[in-house]
Amino acid sequence: MLVDHTPVETQSPINHLIRHGHDRVRTRSMEALPGLKRKSKAWQYSDEDGLESGEAEHEDQDFNSELGGRARSRKGAQDFTSEDPIALYLKEISRIPLLSGREEVELAKAIERGMEAATQLTEDAQLTPQSRLHLQDLVAKGQEARCKLIESNFRLVVSIAKKYVGHGVSFMDLIQEGNIGLIKAVEKFEYRRGFKFSTYATWWIRQAVSRALSDQGRTIRVPVHMGERITQLSRVSRELVQRYGHTPTDEEIALEMGINLKLLERIRQASQHPLSLELEVGEDMDSTLGDFIEDENNAPPDDSAMGQLLSERMEDVLASLSAREHRVLQLRFGLHDGRSYTLEEVGQKFGVTRERIRQIEAKALSKLRHPRRSRRLRDFLE
């Protein structure tokens, strides 16, 4: 369960209601949640904090539009239950206020002091009990500040993750990956540089989400750098269509991207999504894609069956010959292992001359031409 850090004096009546009775809140109350941003000053960035209010408003609008949409989609439901875990998650993080610039800096300082205290506790074995208690208190406060800084930016993760929906990874998984990026941003944030934490964290969140799409969004993993190329290809193609009014040629796309045609072809191949042969197709979905794809590596079923019958019939006919004649024809015509041996090679196997093998072969073929034997193979010649 996330902790509500909203000060009592800044909570609106709606926020107070949600905090003390969220288990009984119905969908009607959920529809009022987007209004919390306007009613609670603790939810807004301000210019006096050194932050860009326009960017914060856009972030809040993205988040609240997602929250409001989830609430409206469940308007007819009796209870706001765990049937929609995403909506529950959005509801819960909507209760956590955003931080001002000064609060972010104070939390970052507390985190830094906690890390330094943890290092000192590990390395200094000569600490007095009083000093050790003081350092442990700093570590605890640092952990608390870390959690607060992370939780206060969960909505930033949602607003970024929703832009990547529909690329093969579920919305909840995108949020989880974005949260991992947010945690890394908290660990690496340097408040002394003067940047807003949200600006710094945005890069880490996008990196985490992009890597998740590369690792999980496709059946065959595409490297991150190739994924960026695929995105660039899509963007450039759209821009060229708008610029020229026609489908751009490969040469135009390659020139705009600053690459050669060979690399362009590789990018296009990597962008293809594999399809399952078990994919159901047809109006009644009673067929699979594999039913309509020819297997070019194997013979058709009827040819395979005919070949099997011919092989069995040929073996029966050859069995009527002497053992030596049978073996010679097998070796000479590749009936055994698919390889045709020369007269010299067959002669070496039998310990006779090549002329003798030629005579045995001629005699065996003469026997096969006899109507009694040839009749059994004639049907396969039609």
Protein backbone atom coordinates (compact mmCIF):
# COMPACT_ATOMS: atom_id res chain seq x y z
CA MET A 1 0.00 0.00 0.00
CA LEU A 2 1.38 3.43 -0.92
CA VAL A 3 1.69 6.06 1.82
CA ASP A 4 -0.38 9.25 1.56
CA HIS A 5 2.00 12.15 2.12
CA THR A 6 -0.64 14.87 1.60
CA PRO A 7 -0.59 17.37 4.51
CA VAL A 8 -3.92 17.57 6.36
CA GLU A 9 -4.29 21.30 5.78
CA THR A 10 -4.01 20.90 1.97
CA GLN A 11 -6.55 18.08 1.57
CA SER A 12 -9.82 18.96 -0.17
CA PRO A 13 -13.12 17.41 1.01
CA ILE A 14 -12.97 14.95 -1.89
CA ASN A 15 -9.41 13.98 -1.05
CA HIS A 16 -10.41 13.58 2.61
CA LEU A 17 -13.31 11.34 1.58
CA ILE A 18 -11.07 9.13 -0.58
CA ARG A 19 -8.42 8.88 2.11
CA HIS A 20 -10.79 7.75 4.88
CA GLY A 21 -13.25 5.71 2.88
CA HIS A 22 -11.56 4.42 -0.28
CA ASP A 23 -12.85 0.90 0.34
CA ARG A 24 -16.43 2.18 -0.04
CA VAL A 25 -15.83 4.62 -2.87
CA ARG A 26 -18.04 3.95 -5.89
CA THR A 27 -17.45 4.81 -9.49
CA ARG A 28 -19.31 8.11 -9.03
CA SER A 29 -16.59 9.25 -6.67
CA MET A 30 -13.94 8.10 -9.12
CA GLU A 31 -15.34 10.43 -11.78
CA ALA A 32 -14.58 13.34 -9.48
CA LEU A 33 -10.93 12.38 -9.07
CA PRO A 34 -9.62 14.42 -12.04
CA GLY A 35 -10.91 17.51 -10.20
CA LEU A 36 -8.51 16.91 -7.36
CA LYS A 37 -5.72 18.56 -9.31
CA ARG A 38 -7.65 21.84 -9.35
CA LYS A 39 -8.78 21.61 -5.71
CA SER A 40 -5.48 20.71 -4.06
CA LYS A 41 -2.57 23.13 -4.22
CA ALA A 42 -0.25 20.38 -3.07
CA TRP A 43 -0.80 18.69 -6.45
CA GLN A 44 0.48 21.59 -8.53
CA TYR A 45 3.91 22.75 -9.46
CA SER A 46 4.32 26.53 -9.28
CA ASP A 47 6.58 28.97 -11.07
CA GLU A 48 7.94 30.23 -7.78
CA ASP A 49 9.42 26.79 -7.15
CA GLY A 50 11.54 27.17 -10.26
CA LEU A 51 9.53 24.63 -12.26
CA GLU A 52 7.77 24.83 -15.58
CA SER A 53 4.07 24.86 -14.73
CA GLY A 54 3.08 24.19 -18.34
CA GLU A 55 5.02 20.92 -18.39
CA ALA A 56 3.52 19.86 -15.06
CA GLU A 57 0.01 20.67 -16.26
CA HIS A 58 0.57 18.58 -19.39
CA GLU A 59 1.79 15.69 -17.25
CA ASP A 60 -1.23 16.00 -14.93
CA GLN A 61 -3.59 16.20 -17.90
CA ASP A 62 -2.14 13.01 -19.37
CA PHE A 63 -2.45 11.19 -16.06
CA ASN A 64 -5.90 12.50 -15.18
CA SER A 65 -7.26 11.77 -18.65
CA GLU A 66 -6.14 8.15 -18.19
CA LEU A 67 -7.62 8.05 -14.69
CA GLY A 68 -10.88 9.65 -15.77
CA GLY A 69 -11.16 7.33 -18.75
CA ARG A 70 -10.71 4.28 -16.53
CA ALA A 71 -13.37 5.59 -14.14
CA ARG A 72 -15.90 6.32 -16.89
CA SER A 73 -15.35 2.91 -18.45
CA ARG A 74 -16.54 1.38 -15.17
CA LYS A 75 -19.47 3.77 -14.64
CA GLY A 76 -22.00 0.95 -14.57
CA ALA A 77 -20.03 -1.20 -12.14
CA GLN A 78 -21.30 -1.67 -8.60
CA ASP A 79 -17.89 -1.63 -6.95
CA PHE A 80 -14.45 -0.44 -7.86
CA THR A 81 -12.78 -3.79 -7.24
CA SER A 82 -9.60 -5.56 -8.24
CA GLU A 83 -11.17 -6.54 -11.57
CA ASP A 84 -9.22 -3.67 -13.12
CA PRO A 85 -5.78 -3.57 -11.44
CA ILE A 86 -4.63 -0.66 -13.60
CA ALA A 87 -7.56 1.50 -12.50
CA LEU A 88 -6.89 0.59 -8.87
CA TYR A 89 -3.25 1.53 -9.29
CA LEU A 90 -4.12 4.85 -10.92
CA LYS A 91 -6.58 5.61 -8.16
CA GLU A 92 -4.04 4.89 -5.46
CA ILE A 93 -1.19 6.94 -6.90
CA SER A 94 -3.55 9.84 -7.63
CA ARG A 95 -3.67 10.43 -3.88
CA ILE A 96 0.06 11.14 -3.70
CA PRO A 97 0.85 14.86 -4.17
CA LEU A 98 3.49 16.17 -6.51
CA LEU A 99 6.59 17.79 -5.05
CA SER A 100 7.84 21.32 -5.40
CA GLY A 101 11.38 22.01 -6.51
CA ARG A 102 12.46 22.83 -2.98
CA GLU A 103 10.95 19.60 -1.65
CA GLU A 104 12.80 17.57 -4.28
CA VAL A 105 16.09 19.14 -3.24
CA GLU A 106 15.41 18.51 0.45
CA LEU A 107 14.57 14.88 -0.23
CA ALA A 108 17.68 14.48 -2.38
CA LYS A 109 19.79 15.91 0.43
CA ALA A 110 18.20 13.52 2.93
CA ILE A 111 18.92 10.59 0.60
CA GLU A 112 22.54 11.71 0.26
CA ARG A 113 22.94 12.04 4.02
CA GLY A 114 21.45 8.58 4.47
CA MET A 115 23.87 7.03 1.98
CA GLU A 116 26.83 8.72 3.65
CA ALA A 117 25.62 7.54 7.05
CA ALA A 118 25.25 3.97 5.79
CA THR A 119 28.80 4.05 4.45
CA GLN A 120 30.11 5.37 7.75
CA LEU A 121 28.24 2.69 9.70
CA THR A 122 29.83 0.01 7.54
CA GLU A 123 33.39 1.32 7.56
CA ASP A 124 33.79 2.82 11.05
CA ALA A 125 33.84 0.18 13.76
CA GLN A 126 34.83 2.66 16.52
CA LEU A 127 31.52 4.53 16.63
CA THR A 128 29.98 5.31 19.99
CA PRO A 129 26.45 4.04 20.67
CA GLN A 130 25.12 7.59 20.44
CA SER A 131 26.82 8.21 17.10
CA ARG A 132 25.61 4.88 15.77
CA LEU A 133 22.01 5.71 16.72
CA HIS A 134 22.31 9.10 15.04
CA LEU A 135 23.66 7.56 11.84
CA GLN A 136 20.96 4.88 11.86
CA ASP A 137 18.36 7.63 12.16
CA LEU A 138 19.88 9.37 9.11
CA VAL A 139 19.77 6.10 7.17
CA ALA A 140 16.09 5.61 8.06
CA LYS A 141 15.25 9.17 7.04
CA GLY A 142 17.16 8.69 3.80
CA GLN A 143 15.16 5.56 3.00
CA GLU A 144 11.93 7.40 3.80
CA ALA A 145 12.95 10.30 1.56
CA ARG A 146 13.85 7.88 -1.22
CA CYS A 147 10.43 6.23 -1.05
CA LYS A 148 8.66 9.58 -1.02
CA LEU A 149 10.61 10.88 -4.03
CA ILE A 150 9.84 7.68 -5.94
CA GLU A 151 6.14 7.53 -5.05
CA SER A 152 5.59 11.21 -5.80
CA ASN A 153 6.68 10.63 -9.39
CA PHE A 154 4.61 7.54 -10.16
CA ARG A 155 2.23 9.70 -12.17
CA LEU A 156 5.12 10.84 -14.36
CA VAL A 157 5.79 7.18 -15.17
CA VAL A 158 2.14 6.61 -16.14
CA SER A 159 2.04 9.68 -18.39
CA ILE A 160 5.16 8.45 -20.22
CA ALA A 161 4.23 4.75 -20.35
CA LYS A 162 0.81 5.40 -21.90
CA LYS A 163 2.52 6.82 -25.00
CA TYR A 164 4.10 3.41 -25.70
CA VAL A 165 0.93 1.31 -25.41
CA GLY A 166 0.16 -0.91 -28.39
CA HIS A 167 3.68 -2.08 -29.20
CA GLY A 168 3.50 -5.60 -27.80
CA VAL A 169 3.89 -4.91 -24.07
CA SER A 170 0.95 -4.45 -21.71
CA PHE A 171 0.28 -1.09 -20.07
CA MET A 172 0.94 -2.48 -16.58
CA ASP A 173 4.27 -3.98 -17.66
CA LEU A 174 5.27 -0.65 -19.20
CA ILE A 175 4.45 1.09 -15.92
CA GLN A 176 6.52 -1.44 -13.97
CA GLU A 177 9.50 -1.02 -16.29
CA GLY A 178 9.13 2.75 -16.07
CA ASN A 179 9.12 2.51 -12.27
CA ILE A 180 12.44 0.67 -12.45
CA GLY A 181 13.82 3.55 -14.51
CA LEU A 182 12.42 5.99 -11.94
CA ILE A 183 14.23 4.17 -9.13
CA LYS A 184 17.51 4.40 -11.06
CA ALA A 185 16.90 8.12 -11.57
CA VAL A 186 16.44 8.60 -7.82
CA GLU A 187 19.70 6.76 -7.15
CA LYS A 188 21.68 8.84 -9.66
CA PHE A 189 20.02 12.27 -9.25
CA GLU A 190 22.50 15.09 -8.55
CA TYR A 191 20.53 17.99 -7.11
CA ARG A 192 23.55 20.31 -7.12
CA ARG A 193 23.39 20.61 -10.92
CA GLY A 194 20.15 22.56 -10.58
CA PHE A 195 17.98 20.40 -12.82
CA LYS A 196 14.40 19.47 -11.99
CA PHE A 197 14.08 15.87 -10.94
CA SER A 198 11.16 15.28 -13.31
CA THR A 199 13.28 16.41 -16.26
CA TYR A 200 16.13 14.13 -15.20
CA ALA A 201 13.87 11.18 -14.43
CA THR A 202 12.04 11.42 -17.76
CA TRP A 203 15.16 10.25 -19.63
CA TRP A 204 15.64 7.25 -17.34
CA ILE A 205 11.97 6.29 -17.52
CA ARG A 206 11.92 6.46 -21.31
CA GLN A 207 15.12 4.43 -21.49
CA ALA A 208 13.64 1.72 -19.28
CA VAL A 209 10.39 1.61 -21.25
CA SER A 210 12.20 1.58 -24.61
CA ARG A 211 14.46 -1.25 -23.52
CA ALA A 212 11.44 -3.23 -22.31
CA LEU A 213 9.81 -2.80 -25.71
CA SER A 214 12.99 -4.03 -27.41
CA ASP A 215 13.33 -7.03 -25.08
CA GLN A 216 9.69 -8.04 -24.70
CA GLY A 217 7.69 -6.38 -27.48
CA ARG A 218 8.73 -8.80 -30.23
CA THR A 219 8.93 -12.55 -30.59
CA ILE A 220 12.47 -12.09 -31.92
CA ARG A 221 14.36 -9.54 -29.86
CA VAL A 222 15.55 -6.45 -31.69
CA PRO A 223 18.64 -4.66 -30.31
CA VAL A 224 17.98 -1.24 -28.81
CA HIS A 225 19.97 0.60 -31.48
CA MET A 226 18.03 -1.19 -34.22
CA GLY A 227 14.77 -0.34 -32.48
CA GLU A 228 15.75 3.32 -32.61
CA ARG A 229 16.49 2.96 -36.33
CA ILE A 230 13.07 1.38 -36.91
CA THR A 231 11.40 4.27 -35.11
CA GLN A 232 13.43 6.74 -37.18
CA LEU A 233 12.42 4.94 -40.38
CA SER A 234 8.72 5.21 -39.52
CA ARG A 235 9.03 8.89 -38.63
CA VAL A 236 11.03 9.80 -41.74
CA SER A 237 8.61 7.90 -44.00
CA ARG A 238 5.65 9.86 -42.60
CA GLU A 239 7.48 13.17 -42.93
CA LEU A 240 8.43 12.50 -46.56
CA VAL A 241 4.84 11.55 -47.45
CA GLN A 242 3.66 14.87 -46.02
CA ARG A 243 6.45 16.77 -47.75
CA TYR A 244 6.23 15.28 -51.25
CA GLY A 245 2.65 14.01 -51.32
CA HIS A 246 3.62 10.52 -52.47
CA THR A 247 5.16 7.35 -51.08
CA PRO A 248 8.90 8.06 -50.79
CA THR A 249 11.39 5.92 -52.67
CA ASP A 250 14.14 3.97 -50.94
CA GLU A 251 16.69 6.48 -52.21
CA GLU A 252 14.77 9.41 -50.70
CA ILE A 253 14.39 7.65 -47.34
CA ALA A 254 18.06 6.62 -47.22
CA LEU A 255 19.17 10.17 -48.07
CA GLU A 256 16.95 11.67 -45.37
CA MET A 257 18.18 9.17 -42.76
CA GLY A 258 21.81 9.54 -43.83
CA ILE A 259 22.33 5.82 -44.46
CA ASN A 260 22.97 3.57 -47.46
CA LEU A 261 20.41 1.35 -49.17
CA LYS A 262 21.91 -1.84 -47.73
CA LEU A 263 21.41 -0.64 -44.15
CA LEU A 264 17.90 0.54 -45.02
CA GLU A 265 17.04 -2.98 -46.19
CA ARG A 266 18.41 -4.44 -42.95
CA ILE A 267 16.26 -2.05 -40.91
CA ARG A 268 13.17 -3.05 -42.87
CA GLN A 269 13.88 -6.73 -42.35
CA ALA A 270 14.32 -6.18 -38.62
CA SER A 271 11.03 -4.27 -38.42
CA GLN A 272 8.98 -7.21 -39.69
CA HIS A 273 6.81 -9.00 -37.14
CA PRO A 274 6.73 -12.82 -37.40
CA LEU A 275 3.34 -14.49 -37.68
CA SER A 276 2.41 -17.79 -36.07
CA LEU A 277 1.53 -20.65 -38.40
CA GLU A 278 -1.24 -21.42 -35.90
CA LEU A 279 -2.83 -18.00 -36.43
CA GLU A 280 -6.55 -18.51 -37.03
CA VAL A 281 -7.79 -17.04 -40.31
CA GLY A 282 -11.00 -17.01 -42.31
CA GLU A 283 -14.45 -15.69 -41.58
CA ASP A 284 -15.25 -18.54 -39.22
CA MET A 285 -11.70 -18.72 -37.86
CA ASP A 286 -11.73 -22.43 -38.62
CA SER A 287 -8.42 -22.47 -40.50
CA THR A 288 -4.86 -21.60 -39.63
CA LEU A 289 -2.30 -19.64 -41.58
CA GLY A 290 -0.17 -22.76 -41.95
CA ASP A 291 -2.93 -24.40 -44.00
CA PHE A 292 -2.28 -21.95 -46.84
CA ILE A 293 1.54 -21.91 -46.88
CA GLU A 294 3.32 -24.34 -49.18
CA ASP A 295 6.22 -26.34 -47.80
CA GLU A 296 8.85 -25.79 -50.48
CA ASN A 297 11.42 -28.05 -48.81
CA ASN A 298 9.39 -31.27 -49.02
CA ALA A 299 7.48 -33.00 -51.79
CA PRO A 300 3.67 -32.77 -51.87
CA PRO A 301 1.90 -35.50 -49.87
CA ASP A 302 0.63 -37.33 -52.98
CA ASP A 303 4.13 -37.39 -54.50
CA SER A 304 5.58 -38.65 -51.22
CA ALA A 305 3.01 -41.44 -51.06
CA MET A 306 3.66 -42.40 -54.68
CA GLY A 307 7.40 -42.46 -54.08
CA GLN A 308 6.96 -44.69 -51.05
CA LEU A 309 4.84 -47.13 -53.03
CA LEU A 310 7.37 -47.18 -55.88
CA SER A 311 10.20 -47.85 -53.45
CA GLU A 312 8.35 -50.77 -51.89
CA ARG A 313 7.39 -52.22 -55.29
CA MET A 314 10.96 -51.85 -56.57
CA GLU A 315 12.29 -53.64 -53.51
CA ASP A 316 9.89 -56.53 -54.14
CA VAL A 317 11.02 -56.80 -57.78
CA LEU A 318 14.71 -56.68 -56.88
CA ALA A 319 14.16 -59.39 -54.29
CA SER A 320 13.32 -61.77 -57.13
CA LEU A 321 16.90 -61.40 -58.44
CA SER A 322 19.97 -63.09 -57.03
CA ALA A 323 21.60 -61.48 -54.01
CA ARG A 324 24.61 -60.33 -56.07
CA GLU A 325 22.44 -58.83 -58.83
CA HIS A 326 20.26 -57.13 -56.24
CA ARG A 327 23.27 -55.59 -54.51
CA VAL A 328 24.94 -54.46 -57.76
CA LEU A 329 21.82 -52.61 -58.93
CA GLN A 330 21.44 -50.98 -55.54
CA LEU A 331 24.99 -49.63 -55.68
CA ARG A 332 24.95 -48.66 -59.35
CA PHE A 333 21.66 -46.73 -59.22
CA GLY A 334 21.86 -45.31 -55.70
CA LEU A 335 18.92 -47.30 -54.39
CA HIS A 336 20.58 -47.85 -51.02
CA ASP A 337 22.00 -44.53 -49.85
CA GLY A 338 21.25 -42.21 -52.77
CA ARG A 339 24.79 -42.39 -54.18
CA SER A 340 25.53 -44.01 -57.55
CA TYR A 341 28.82 -45.94 -57.49
CA THR A 342 31.05 -46.42 -60.54
CA LEU A 343 31.82 -49.83 -62.01
CA GLU A 344 35.32 -49.60 -60.54
CA GLU A 345 34.02 -48.85 -57.03
CA VAL A 346 31.46 -51.67 -57.14
CA GLY A 347 34.12 -54.05 -58.43
CA GLN A 348 36.36 -53.20 -55.50
CA LYS A 349 33.53 -53.96 -53.06
CA PHE A 350 32.95 -57.38 -54.63
CA GLY A 351 36.62 -58.10 -55.35
CA VAL A 352 36.08 -58.50 -59.10
CA THR A 353 36.89 -56.49 -62.20
CA ARG A 354 34.77 -53.62 -63.47
CA GLU A 355 33.97 -55.69 -66.58
CA ARG A 356 32.49 -58.42 -64.44
CA ILE A 357 30.29 -55.87 -62.65
CA ARG A 358 29.13 -54.53 -66.04
CA GLN A 359 28.11 -58.07 -67.05
CA ILE A 360 26.20 -58.66 -63.80
CA GLU A 361 24.42 -55.33 -64.23
CA ALA A 362 23.44 -56.06 -67.83
CA LYS A 363 22.09 -59.50 -66.87
CA ALA A 364 20.06 -58.05 -63.98
CA LEU A 365 18.53 -55.33 -66.18
CA SER A 366 17.63 -57.94 -68.77
CA LYS A 367 15.74 -59.89 -66.11
CA LEU A 368 13.86 -56.74 -65.05
CA ARG A 369 12.66 -56.24 -68.62
CA HIS A 370 10.88 -59.58 -68.53
CA PRO A 371 7.09 -58.99 -68.66
CA ARG A 372 6.61 -60.87 -65.40
CA ARG A 373 8.67 -58.26 -63.56
CA SER A 374 8.22 -55.14 -65.71
CA ARG A 375 4.43 -55.41 -65.43
CA ARG A 376 4.66 -54.67 -61.70
CA LEU A 377 6.48 -51.36 -62.37
CA ARG A 378 4.70 -50.22 -65.52
CA ASP A 379 1.91 -48.44 -63.61
CA PHE A 380 4.42 -45.96 -62.18
CA LEU A 381 5.56 -44.88 -65.66
CA GLU A 382 2.18 -43.45 -66.64
